[in-house]
């Protein structure tokens, strides 16, 4: 197998610049790489960063209006704090247990017991007040939020102080109805099931390079400039009130719709603006489910991606040794 010379053209040295970082949101730039690496990072964040989610439910008693399978499905979709997930074992790879949920290496046990006794009121069974974990490091996200509020810490998830954080509704019970169950949460990835996805959304876009032909723009009247600026469906351009010059106010609002280019051509001014995508620069937007912070999601994704690349490199090296052995008649 031929390899590129040292200083190979295949080498990339990506650079990252964080623009905005919150616990459940991040926006950053990825530069000096190509779309294959950007998309690989996006796909790993969505589908291959491990989290913890309820995977096995044993119903002891259920007299609610929802059947057992429905409740088990709802429990599986409750996001659980998963900061410890990278250090856990996958249950299929754990040799310390038989998968019954009593293993500290690969699973966390939950219990729920609720019974409605008030005839005049419906009992709401929620993840915050009714679902109890045996491991404080793995619990429902809204339960962890409530705990932080009780300690008086600033809640990074709470964007609206007036919001009602009662937790995720599991089922409603009327008088005499009861729900008791045991649940086992395990480590997994979203490639196997969406309940393990740590990301609500991960998107990236090419960073646009917008250049206005100033000489051609000066040939337009103020009304024509206004008409041209308003032809963009997003607020990319504006007119400076002092100089009456067209300026770029938000290049990343451009959606590659070509409306301003078509408008310029319709006005008989082709070449009024030139818009190109920077093929080595990307802007990422990441929103999490709360299972991981945005920082943890990004760093874990980079770790997973590096592990996958190392595995490919080892396979490549093994293939080279095999070819060499065959050539030497070993």
Protein backbone atom coordinates (compact mmCIF):
# COMPACT_ATOMS: atom_id res chain seq x y z
CA UNK A 1 0.00 0.00 0.00
CA UNK A 2 1.42 3.36 -1.00
CA UNK A 3 1.60 5.98 1.68
CA UNK A 4 1.86 9.74 1.18
CA UNK A 5 5.21 11.30 1.91
CA UNK A 6 5.87 13.09 5.17
CA UNK A 7 3.96 16.34 5.34
CA UNK A 8 1.11 14.42 3.71
CA UNK A 9 -1.66 16.28 1.97
CA UNK A 10 -4.10 14.09 3.90
CA UNK A 11 -3.14 15.66 7.20
CA UNK A 12 -5.56 18.10 8.72
CA UNK A 13 -5.04 20.30 11.72
CA UNK A 14 -8.52 21.40 12.80
CA UNK A 15 -8.93 24.42 15.03
CA UNK A 16 -11.95 25.12 17.22
CA UNK A 17 -13.17 28.46 18.53
CA UNK A 18 -16.04 28.51 21.01
CA UNK A 19 -18.53 31.29 20.38
CA UNK A 20 -21.16 30.47 22.97
CA UNK A 21 -21.26 27.79 25.64
CA UNK A 22 -24.04 26.91 28.06
CA UNK A 23 -24.85 23.64 29.78
CA UNK A 24 -27.41 22.65 27.15
CA UNK A 25 -26.24 24.73 24.17
CA UNK A 26 -23.01 25.41 22.32
CA UNK A 27 -22.00 27.24 19.19
CA UNK A 28 -18.47 26.88 17.86
CA UNK A 29 -16.35 27.19 14.74
CA UNK A 30 -14.45 24.28 13.22
CA UNK A 31 -11.72 25.46 10.86
CA UNK A 32 -8.87 24.07 8.76
CA UNK A 33 -10.58 20.79 7.92
CA UNK A 34 -13.08 19.51 5.37
CA UNK A 35 -16.71 18.43 5.26
CA UNK A 36 -15.91 14.75 5.86
CA UNK A 37 -14.44 15.53 9.28
CA UNK A 38 -17.20 17.99 10.16
CA UNK A 39 -19.90 15.49 9.26
CA UNK A 40 -18.11 12.68 11.11
CA UNK A 41 -18.07 14.81 14.25
CA UNK A 42 -21.76 15.65 13.83
CA UNK A 43 -22.77 12.02 13.35
CA UNK A 44 -20.73 10.86 16.34
CA UNK A 45 -22.36 13.49 18.55
CA UNK A 46 -25.82 12.38 17.44
CA UNK A 47 -25.43 8.61 17.39
CA UNK A 48 -22.27 7.30 19.05
CA UNK A 49 -21.64 9.21 22.28
CA UNK A 50 -22.84 6.86 25.06
CA UNK A 51 -25.44 7.82 27.64
CA UNK A 52 -27.51 5.96 30.21
CA UNK A 53 -31.19 5.18 29.64
CA UNK A 54 -33.75 2.78 31.10
CA UNK A 55 -33.55 -0.45 29.13
CA UNK A 56 -35.39 -3.04 31.25
CA UNK A 57 -38.63 -2.55 33.18
CA UNK A 58 -40.19 -5.09 35.53
CA UNK A 59 -43.78 -4.16 36.33
CA UNK A 60 -44.91 -5.37 39.75
CA UNK A 61 -48.34 -3.75 39.74
CA UNK A 62 -50.10 -1.60 37.13
CA UNK A 63 -53.77 -0.70 37.39
CA UNK A 64 -53.44 2.56 35.42
CA UNK A 65 -55.09 3.22 32.06
CA UNK A 66 -51.77 2.67 30.26
CA UNK A 67 -50.52 -0.82 29.50
CA UNK A 68 -47.13 -2.09 30.64
CA UNK A 69 -45.40 -1.68 27.27
CA UNK A 70 -46.54 1.93 26.96
CA UNK A 71 -45.19 2.82 30.39
CA UNK A 72 -41.89 1.01 29.71
CA UNK A 73 -41.49 2.99 26.50
CA UNK A 74 -42.14 6.29 28.28
CA UNK A 75 -39.62 5.45 30.99
CA UNK A 76 -36.97 4.67 28.37
CA UNK A 77 -37.30 8.13 26.84
CA UNK A 78 -36.70 10.00 30.12
CA UNK A 79 -33.22 11.61 29.86
CA UNK A 80 -30.90 10.57 32.68
CA UNK A 81 -27.76 12.34 33.84
CA UNK A 82 -24.96 10.50 32.05
CA UNK A 83 -21.69 12.15 33.00
CA UNK A 84 -20.43 8.77 34.21
CA UNK A 85 -21.46 6.89 31.06
CA UNK A 86 -18.02 6.95 29.40
CA UNK A 87 -16.58 5.07 32.38
CA UNK A 88 -19.33 2.44 32.48
CA UNK A 89 -19.29 -0.88 30.67
CA UNK A 90 -21.77 -1.94 28.04
CA UNK A 91 -23.94 -4.66 29.58
CA UNK A 92 -23.13 -7.00 26.69
CA UNK A 93 -19.42 -6.67 27.49
CA UNK A 94 -19.69 -6.86 31.29
CA UNK A 95 -18.28 -10.06 32.80
CA UNK A 96 -19.11 -9.06 36.38
CA UNK A 97 -22.87 -9.70 36.23
CA UNK A 98 -25.65 -11.56 34.49
CA UNK A 99 -27.54 -8.44 33.38
CA UNK A 100 -30.06 -8.42 36.23
CA UNK A 101 -29.29 -4.82 37.17
CA UNK A 102 -27.35 -5.39 40.37
CA UNK A 103 -23.98 -4.57 38.81
CA UNK A 104 -22.19 -1.33 39.63
CA UNK A 105 -20.12 -1.53 36.45
CA UNK A 106 -22.83 -1.57 33.80
CA UNK A 107 -26.25 -0.69 35.21
CA UNK A 108 -28.25 1.47 37.62
CA UNK A 109 -31.46 0.37 39.32
CA UNK A 110 -34.57 2.56 39.61
CA UNK A 111 -37.75 2.09 41.63
CA UNK A 112 -41.18 3.66 41.32
CA UNK A 113 -44.12 3.20 43.69
CA UNK A 114 -47.20 5.40 43.43
CA UNK A 115 -50.82 4.94 44.53
CA UNK A 116 -53.70 7.40 44.27
CA UNK A 117 -55.77 7.72 47.44
CA UNK A 118 -57.55 11.06 46.95
CA UNK A 119 -60.90 10.56 45.25
CA UNK A 120 -61.20 14.19 44.21
CA UNK A 121 -57.87 14.63 42.49
CA UNK A 122 -55.82 12.90 39.81
CA UNK A 123 -52.33 11.87 40.90
CA UNK A 124 -49.62 12.77 38.41
CA UNK A 125 -46.71 10.34 38.47
CA UNK A 126 -43.61 12.20 37.29
CA UNK A 127 -39.91 11.55 36.84
CA UNK A 128 -39.01 14.20 39.41
CA UNK A 129 -40.89 13.02 42.49
CA UNK A 130 -41.58 9.34 41.83
CA UNK A 131 -38.66 7.76 39.94
CA UNK A 132 -35.89 6.95 42.43
CA UNK A 133 -32.36 5.91 41.53
CA UNK A 134 -29.98 3.78 43.58
CA UNK A 135 -27.05 5.80 42.22
CA UNK A 136 -27.10 9.59 42.78
CA UNK A 137 -24.82 10.10 39.76
CA UNK A 138 -27.53 8.70 37.44
CA UNK A 139 -30.98 10.21 37.90
CA UNK A 140 -33.63 11.97 35.79
CA UNK A 141 -32.31 15.26 34.45
CA UNK A 142 -35.15 17.31 35.91
CA UNK A 143 -34.59 15.64 39.29
CA UNK A 144 -30.96 16.76 39.22
CA UNK A 145 -32.15 20.26 38.29
CA UNK A 146 -34.53 20.33 41.25
CA UNK A 147 -31.71 19.21 43.55
CA UNK A 148 -29.51 22.07 42.34
CA UNK A 149 -32.34 24.51 42.94
CA UNK A 150 -32.76 23.18 46.48
CA UNK A 151 -29.07 23.80 47.13
CA UNK A 152 -29.51 27.37 45.92
CA UNK A 153 -27.16 26.94 42.98
CA UNK A 154 -27.77 28.77 39.73
CA UNK A 155 -29.75 26.48 37.49
CA UNK A 156 -28.14 26.51 34.01
CA UNK A 157 -31.14 24.75 32.47
CA UNK A 158 -33.70 27.25 33.70
CA UNK A 159 -34.12 29.91 31.03
CA UNK A 160 -37.50 30.95 32.39
CA UNK A 161 -37.66 31.44 36.19
CA UNK A 162 -41.47 31.36 36.04
CA UNK A 163 -41.54 27.99 34.26
CA UNK A 164 -43.26 25.08 35.98
CA UNK A 165 -40.70 22.28 36.38
CA UNK A 166 -42.82 19.40 37.59
CA UNK A 167 -40.83 16.81 35.73
CA UNK A 168 -41.79 14.50 32.88
CA UNK A 169 -45.25 13.04 33.24
CA UNK A 170 -45.23 9.23 33.22
CA UNK A 171 -48.89 8.43 33.92
CA UNK A 172 -51.96 9.81 35.70
CA UNK A 173 -53.69 7.77 38.38
CA UNK A 174 -57.23 7.97 39.75
CA UNK A 175 -58.30 6.79 43.19
CA UNK A 176 -57.39 3.17 43.82
CA UNK A 177 -55.03 2.93 40.86
CA UNK A 178 -51.43 1.94 41.50
CA UNK A 179 -48.12 1.67 39.71
CA UNK A 180 -45.12 -0.18 41.13
CA UNK A 181 -42.10 -1.16 39.11
CA UNK A 182 -38.35 -1.78 39.01
CA UNK A 183 -36.29 -0.46 36.12
CA UNK A 184 -32.72 -1.04 35.00
CA UNK A 185 -30.79 1.71 33.20
CA UNK A 186 -27.88 0.71 30.99
CA UNK A 187 -25.21 2.36 28.89
CA UNK A 188 -25.93 2.56 25.17
CA UNK A 189 -25.64 4.65 22.02
CA UNK A 190 -28.28 6.20 19.77
CA UNK A 191 -27.19 4.02 16.86
CA UNK A 192 -28.93 1.19 18.76
CA UNK A 193 -31.92 3.22 19.99
CA UNK A 194 -32.83 6.92 19.97
CA UNK A 195 -33.40 6.92 23.76
CA UNK A 196 -29.62 6.94 24.19
CA UNK A 197 -29.10 10.05 22.08
CA UNK A 198 -27.54 12.90 24.11
CA UNK A 199 -28.31 15.47 21.40
CA UNK A 200 -31.55 17.25 20.72
CA UNK A 201 -30.04 18.68 17.55
CA UNK A 202 -26.58 19.04 16.02
CA UNK A 203 -26.19 21.09 12.86
CA UNK A 204 -23.35 22.69 10.95
CA UNK A 205 -23.15 25.04 8.02
CA UNK A 206 -20.39 26.27 5.76
CA UNK A 207 -19.26 29.71 6.85
CA UNK A 208 -20.26 32.08 4.01
CA UNK A 209 -17.82 34.54 2.45
CA UNK A 210 -19.88 37.53 1.26
CA UNK A 211 -18.30 40.28 -0.84
CA UNK A 212 -20.26 43.27 -2.12
CA UNK A 213 -19.14 45.02 -5.30
CA UNK A 214 -19.00 48.53 -3.86
CA UNK A 215 -18.52 50.28 -7.21
CA UNK A 216 -21.55 48.55 -8.70
CA UNK A 217 -23.57 49.16 -5.55
CA UNK A 218 -22.94 52.93 -5.84
CA UNK A 219 -24.80 52.95 -9.13
CA UNK A 220 -28.04 52.02 -7.34
CA UNK A 221 -30.49 54.50 -5.88
CA UNK A 222 -31.50 54.28 -2.22
CA UNK A 223 -34.83 52.73 -3.23
CA UNK A 224 -33.04 50.09 -5.33
CA UNK A 225 -30.66 49.32 -2.48
CA UNK A 226 -33.60 48.95 -0.10
CA UNK A 227 -35.40 46.66 -2.53
CA UNK A 228 -32.28 44.55 -2.96
CA UNK A 229 -31.66 44.27 0.78
CA UNK A 230 -35.28 43.26 1.40
CA UNK A 231 -35.09 40.54 -1.24
CA UNK A 232 -33.13 38.40 1.21
CA UNK A 233 -35.52 36.27 3.31
CA UNK A 234 -33.16 36.55 6.28
CA UNK A 235 -31.51 39.61 7.80
CA UNK A 236 -28.11 39.35 6.12
CA UNK A 237 -27.77 42.90 4.79
CA UNK A 238 -28.81 46.34 5.96
CA UNK A 239 -28.34 49.98 4.99
CA UNK A 240 -26.18 52.21 7.15
CA UNK A 241 -28.41 55.17 8.11
CA UNK A 242 -25.46 57.57 8.07
CA UNK A 243 -23.63 56.63 4.89
CA UNK A 244 -26.54 54.90 3.11
CA UNK A 245 -24.11 52.12 2.21
CA UNK A 246 -25.21 48.48 2.07
CA UNK A 247 -23.45 46.52 4.79
CA UNK A 248 -23.32 42.87 5.84
CA UNK A 249 -24.81 42.64 9.35
CA UNK A 250 -25.05 38.85 9.81
CA UNK A 251 -23.32 36.69 7.18
CA UNK A 252 -24.31 33.46 8.95
CA UNK A 253 -27.98 34.28 8.53
CA UNK A 254 -27.52 33.59 4.82
CA UNK A 255 -29.25 30.33 3.87
CA UNK A 256 -27.66 29.83 0.43
CA UNK A 257 -30.99 30.62 -1.21
CA UNK A 258 -29.44 32.84 -3.95
CA UNK A 259 -32.35 35.31 -3.70
CA UNK A 260 -30.11 38.39 -3.58
CA UNK A 261 -28.13 37.08 -6.57
CA UNK A 262 -31.34 36.57 -8.57
CA UNK A 263 -32.55 40.02 -7.53
CA UNK A 264 -29.31 41.62 -8.71
CA UNK A 265 -29.61 39.88 -12.06
CA UNK A 266 -33.25 41.00 -12.38
CA UNK A 267 -32.10 44.59 -11.74
CA UNK A 268 -29.53 44.27 -14.52
CA UNK A 269 -26.63 44.28 -12.05
CA UNK A 270 -25.06 40.81 -12.20
CA UNK A 271 -21.99 40.56 -10.01
CA UNK A 272 -23.44 42.97 -7.43
CA UNK A 273 -22.57 40.47 -4.71
CA UNK A 274 -20.37 37.39 -4.62
CA UNK A 275 -21.19 34.69 -2.09
CA UNK A 276 -19.03 31.60 -1.62
CA UNK A 277 -18.90 28.92 1.02
CA UNK A 278 -15.61 28.55 2.87
CA UNK A 279 -14.95 24.87 2.31
CA UNK A 280 -12.63 24.57 5.30
CA UNK A 281 -14.70 26.48 7.86
CA UNK A 282 -17.89 25.35 9.58
CA UNK A 283 -20.20 26.76 12.23
CA UNK A 284 -21.70 24.13 14.58
CA UNK A 285 -24.81 24.50 16.72
CA UNK A 286 -25.31 21.87 19.44
CA UNK A 287 -28.32 21.41 21.72
CA UNK A 288 -28.42 18.59 24.26
CA UNK A 289 -31.22 16.68 25.97
CA UNK A 290 -29.63 17.41 29.34
CA UNK A 291 -28.16 13.93 29.74
CA UNK A 292 -24.76 15.51 29.07
CA UNK A 293 -23.70 19.13 29.08
CA UNK A 294 -22.82 20.58 25.69
CA UNK A 295 -19.15 20.63 26.68
CA UNK A 296 -19.22 16.96 27.73
CA UNK A 297 -21.01 16.02 24.50
CA UNK A 298 -18.40 17.72 22.31
CA UNK A 299 -15.41 16.37 24.23
CA UNK A 300 -16.83 12.83 24.42
CA UNK A 301 -17.58 12.95 20.69
CA UNK A 302 -13.97 13.89 19.97
CA UNK A 303 -12.80 11.02 22.20
CA UNK A 304 -15.06 8.51 20.42
CA UNK A 305 -13.98 9.80 17.01
CA UNK A 306 -10.31 9.46 17.94
CA UNK A 307 -10.92 5.89 19.11
CA UNK A 308 -12.57 5.04 15.79
CA UNK A 309 -9.72 6.59 13.83
CA UNK A 310 -7.16 4.71 15.93
CA UNK A 311 -9.02 1.46 15.19
CA UNK A 312 -8.92 2.19 11.45
CA UNK A 313 -5.22 2.97 11.63
CA UNK A 314 -4.49 -0.28 13.45
CA UNK A 315 -6.45 -2.24 10.84
CA UNK A 316 -4.49 -0.44 8.14
CA UNK A 317 -1.19 -1.33 9.83
CA UNK A 318 -2.25 -4.97 10.19
CA UNK A 319 -3.15 -5.09 6.50
CA UNK A 320 0.29 -3.75 5.58
CA UNK A 321 2.01 -6.42 7.72
CA UNK A 322 -0.14 -9.10 6.11
CA UNK A 323 0.82 -7.94 2.62
CA UNK A 324 4.46 -7.84 3.63
CA UNK A 325 4.25 -11.38 5.04
CA UNK A 326 2.63 -12.67 1.87
CA UNK A 327 5.32 -11.01 -0.23
CA UNK A 328 8.08 -12.58 1.87
CA UNK A 329 6.36 -15.97 1.81
CA UNK A 330 5.85 -16.03 5.59
